[in-house]
Amino acid sequence: MYELCKDGGAWDFKQMGGQYQKFGNFAYGFYTRALGMSEAWANRYPGWYKVHQGKSRNEWASTHFQNPAGYRTTNAGRRYYDEMQRRHS
């Protein structure tokens, strides 16, 4: 997962332009849910990565040190996956 999601990785859609950052966060949430990863893991990993890059902020503690906007968009991707599963099952 690290290799896919890291800066410059295959799932780092923002490298195509800042306008793709929200899509990348949404897709990350969707993919992690589809792969069966726990919500806790999916929410903590981006924050861990940001902390290790020195790009996190203490005030982001409630969103596992992930940018709050990215956190919300990631969770929207997870909810969308769940909704699609309900509609198509």
C-alpha atoms as a PDB file:
ATOM      1  CA  MET A   1       0.000   0.000   0.000  1.00  0.00           C
ATOM      2  CA  TYR A   2       2.858   2.377   0.824  1.00  0.00           C
ATOM      3  CA  GLU A   3       4.331   2.123  -2.679  1.00  0.00           C
ATOM      4  CA  LEU A   4       0.938   2.864  -4.259  1.00  0.00           C
ATOM      5  CA  CYS A   5      -0.009   5.791  -2.019  1.00  0.00           C
ATOM      6  CA  LYS A   6       3.283   7.540  -1.361  1.00  0.00           C
ATOM      7  CA  ASP A   7       4.065  10.852  -3.032  1.00  0.00           C
ATOM      8  CA  GLY A   8       4.685   9.956  -6.669  1.00  0.00           C
ATOM      9  CA  GLY A   9       3.118   6.482  -6.281  1.00  0.00           C
ATOM     10  CA  ALA A  10       0.617   5.035  -8.738  1.00  0.00           C
ATOM     11  CA  TRP A  11      -2.361   6.183  -6.610  1.00  0.00           C
ATOM     12  CA  ASP A  12      -0.952   9.682  -5.965  1.00  0.00           C
ATOM     13  CA  PHE A  13      -3.406  11.375  -8.309  1.00  0.00           C
ATOM     14  CA  LYS A  14      -2.427  14.871  -7.155  1.00  0.00           C
ATOM     15  CA  GLN A  15       0.807  14.465  -9.125  1.00  0.00           C
ATOM     16  CA  MET A  16      -1.371  15.048 -12.212  1.00  0.00           C
ATOM     17  CA  GLY A  17      -2.461  18.376 -10.746  1.00  0.00           C
ATOM     18  CA  GLY A  18      -3.816  19.730  -7.486  1.00  0.00           C
ATOM     19  CA  GLN A  19      -7.358  19.454  -8.808  1.00  0.00           C
ATOM     20  CA  TYR A  20      -7.032  15.654  -8.428  1.00  0.00           C
ATOM     21  CA  GLN A  21      -6.168  15.670  -4.729  1.00  0.00           C
ATOM     22  CA  LYS A  22      -9.775  15.205  -3.566  1.00  0.00           C
ATOM     23  CA  PHE A  23     -10.290  12.435  -6.105  1.00  0.00           C
ATOM     24  CA  GLY A  24      -7.156  10.702  -4.823  1.00  0.00           C
ATOM     25  CA  ASN A  25      -8.386  10.824  -1.229  1.00  0.00           C
ATOM     26  CA  PHE A  26     -11.824   9.578  -2.269  1.00  0.00           C
ATOM     27  CA  ALA A  27     -10.286   6.752  -4.317  1.00  0.00           C
ATOM     28  CA  TYR A  28      -8.013   5.802  -1.407  1.00  0.00           C
ATOM     29  CA  GLY A  29     -11.059   5.431   0.848  1.00  0.00           C
ATOM     30  CA  PHE A  30     -12.920   3.440  -1.802  1.00  0.00           C
ATOM     31  CA  TYR A  31      -9.958   1.140  -2.515  1.00  0.00           C
ATOM     32  CA  THR A  32      -9.109   0.480   1.118  1.00  0.00           C
ATOM     33  CA  ARG A  33     -12.731  -0.446   1.806  1.00  0.00           C
ATOM     34  CA  ALA A  34     -12.885  -2.678  -1.284  1.00  0.00           C
ATOM     35  CA  LEU A  35      -9.687  -4.409  -0.154  1.00  0.00           C
ATOM     36  CA  GLY A  36     -11.232  -5.098   3.258  1.00  0.00           C
ATOM     37  CA  MET A  37      -8.891  -2.869   5.247  1.00  0.00           C
ATOM     38  CA  SER A  38     -10.260  -1.680   8.550  1.00  0.00           C
ATOM     39  CA  GLU A  39     -11.503   1.868   8.865  1.00  0.00           C
ATOM     40  CA  ALA A  40      -9.051   2.417  11.709  1.00  0.00           C
ATOM     41  CA  TRP A  41      -6.096   1.365   9.556  1.00  0.00           C
ATOM     42  CA  ALA A  42      -7.286   3.313   6.524  1.00  0.00           C
ATOM     43  CA  ASN A  43      -7.690   6.468   8.616  1.00  0.00           C
ATOM     44  CA  ARG A  44      -4.440   6.158  10.564  1.00  0.00           C
ATOM     45  CA  TYR A  45      -2.092   5.342   7.700  1.00  0.00           C
ATOM     46  CA  PRO A  46      -2.297   8.729   5.895  1.00  0.00           C
ATOM     47  CA  GLY A  47      -1.675  10.545   9.174  1.00  0.00           C
ATOM     48  CA  TRP A  48       1.297   8.327   9.974  1.00  0.00           C
ATOM     49  CA  TYR A  49       2.692   9.068   6.535  1.00  0.00           C
ATOM     50  CA  LYS A  50       2.192  12.821   6.962  1.00  0.00           C
ATOM     51  CA  VAL A  51       3.852  12.776  10.405  1.00  0.00           C
ATOM     52  CA  HIS A  52       6.889  10.979   8.976  1.00  0.00           C
ATOM     53  CA  GLN A  53       7.063  13.498   6.137  1.00  0.00           C
ATOM     54  CA  GLY A  54       6.876  16.384   8.583  1.00  0.00           C
ATOM     55  CA  LYS A  55       3.653  17.572   6.920  1.00  0.00           C
ATOM     56  CA  SER A  56       1.208  17.071   9.784  1.00  0.00           C
ATOM     57  CA  ARG A  57      -0.074  19.460  12.431  1.00  0.00           C
ATOM     58  CA  ASN A  58      -0.803  18.907  16.103  1.00  0.00           C
ATOM     59  CA  GLU A  59      -4.313  20.314  15.679  1.00  0.00           C
ATOM     60  CA  TRP A  60      -5.064  17.408  13.323  1.00  0.00           C
ATOM     61  CA  ALA A  61      -4.874  14.872  16.181  1.00  0.00           C
ATOM     62  CA  SER A  62      -8.635  14.205  16.025  1.00  0.00           C
ATOM     63  CA  THR A  63      -8.269  13.083  12.386  1.00  0.00           C
ATOM     64  CA  HIS A  64      -5.254  10.856  13.140  1.00  0.00           C
ATOM     65  CA  PHE A  65      -2.917  13.686  12.051  1.00  0.00           C
ATOM     66  CA  GLN A  66      -4.327  13.698   8.549  1.00  0.00           C
ATOM     67  CA  ASN A  67      -5.561  16.935   6.987  1.00  0.00           C
ATOM     68  CA  PRO A  68      -9.229  17.134   8.087  1.00  0.00           C
ATOM     69  CA  ALA A  69     -10.453  17.755   4.527  1.00  0.00           C
ATOM     70  CA  GLY A  70      -8.576  14.693   3.278  1.00  0.00           C
ATOM     71  CA  TYR A  71      -9.905  12.671   6.197  1.00  0.00           C
ATOM     72  CA  ARG A  72     -13.503  13.570   5.322  1.00  0.00           C
ATOM     73  CA  THR A  73     -12.980  12.804   1.636  1.00  0.00           C
ATOM     74  CA  THR A  74     -11.329   9.454   2.414  1.00  0.00           C
ATOM     75  CA  ASN A  75     -14.300   8.473   4.564  1.00  0.00           C
ATOM     76  CA  ALA A  76     -16.693   9.608   1.827  1.00  0.00           C
ATOM     77  CA  GLY A  77     -14.973   7.127  -0.498  1.00  0.00           C
ATOM     78  CA  ARG A  78     -15.469   4.345   2.050  1.00  0.00           C
ATOM     79  CA  ARG A  79     -19.155   5.249   2.471  1.00  0.00           C
ATOM     80  CA  TYR A  80     -19.620   5.336  -1.309  1.00  0.00           C
ATOM     81  CA  TYR A  81     -18.193   1.826  -1.588  1.00  0.00           C
ATOM     82  CA  ASP A  82     -20.605   0.611   1.096  1.00  0.00           C
ATOM     83  CA  GLU A  83     -23.541   2.274  -0.677  1.00  0.00           C
ATOM     84  CA  MET A  84     -22.622   0.651  -3.997  1.00  0.00           C
ATOM     85  CA  GLN A  85     -22.425  -2.726  -2.274  1.00  0.00           C
ATOM     86  CA  ARG A  86     -25.904  -2.246  -0.789  1.00  0.00           C
ATOM     87  CA  ARG A  87     -27.373  -1.191  -4.134  1.00  0.00           C
ATOM     88  CA  HIS A  88     -25.869  -4.091  -6.050  1.00  0.00           C
ATOM     89  CA  SER A  89     -26.384  -6.942  -3.606  1.00  0.00           C
END
